[in-house]
Amino acid sequence: ERLVAGPSLGVERPDPPPSPFTVLFVGANVEKQLPLDLEGEMERMKTAFHVHFGAVNWKDFAFFEHDCQARATSMMEQIMGGEPTVLHIACHGEPERVHLKGGPLDSTKL
């Protein structure tokens, strides 16, 4: 039997996001870990939007919010309060937790 790609396989193209949509960039460098280039990573994301939508028009399509010193409580408040379309988390972690300022956050709480 041959499988055909479709909704049951989860490979259908998603609907486009509402416009403008919100990108929430949260990140954290923690002690005893190699520092991450959070500002550079965020700028690379913005550059990708510039390239895709145009340097002038991209702000009509996407709004960036960022917190490069994220704590578990502040991250969850921003997710619940802002309802971002795209959530980008930049931090160290393990399969069961992410490392944020003030301590790790268990992945089951995300």
Foldseek 3Di string as FASTA:
>chain_A
DDDDDDVVVPPDDDDDDDWQFEEEEEEADDPPDPDDPRVVVVVVVVVVLCVVQNVPCSVRHYDYDYHHQDDPVVVVCCCVVVVGPHYHYYADDDPQWGAHPPGIDGPVVD
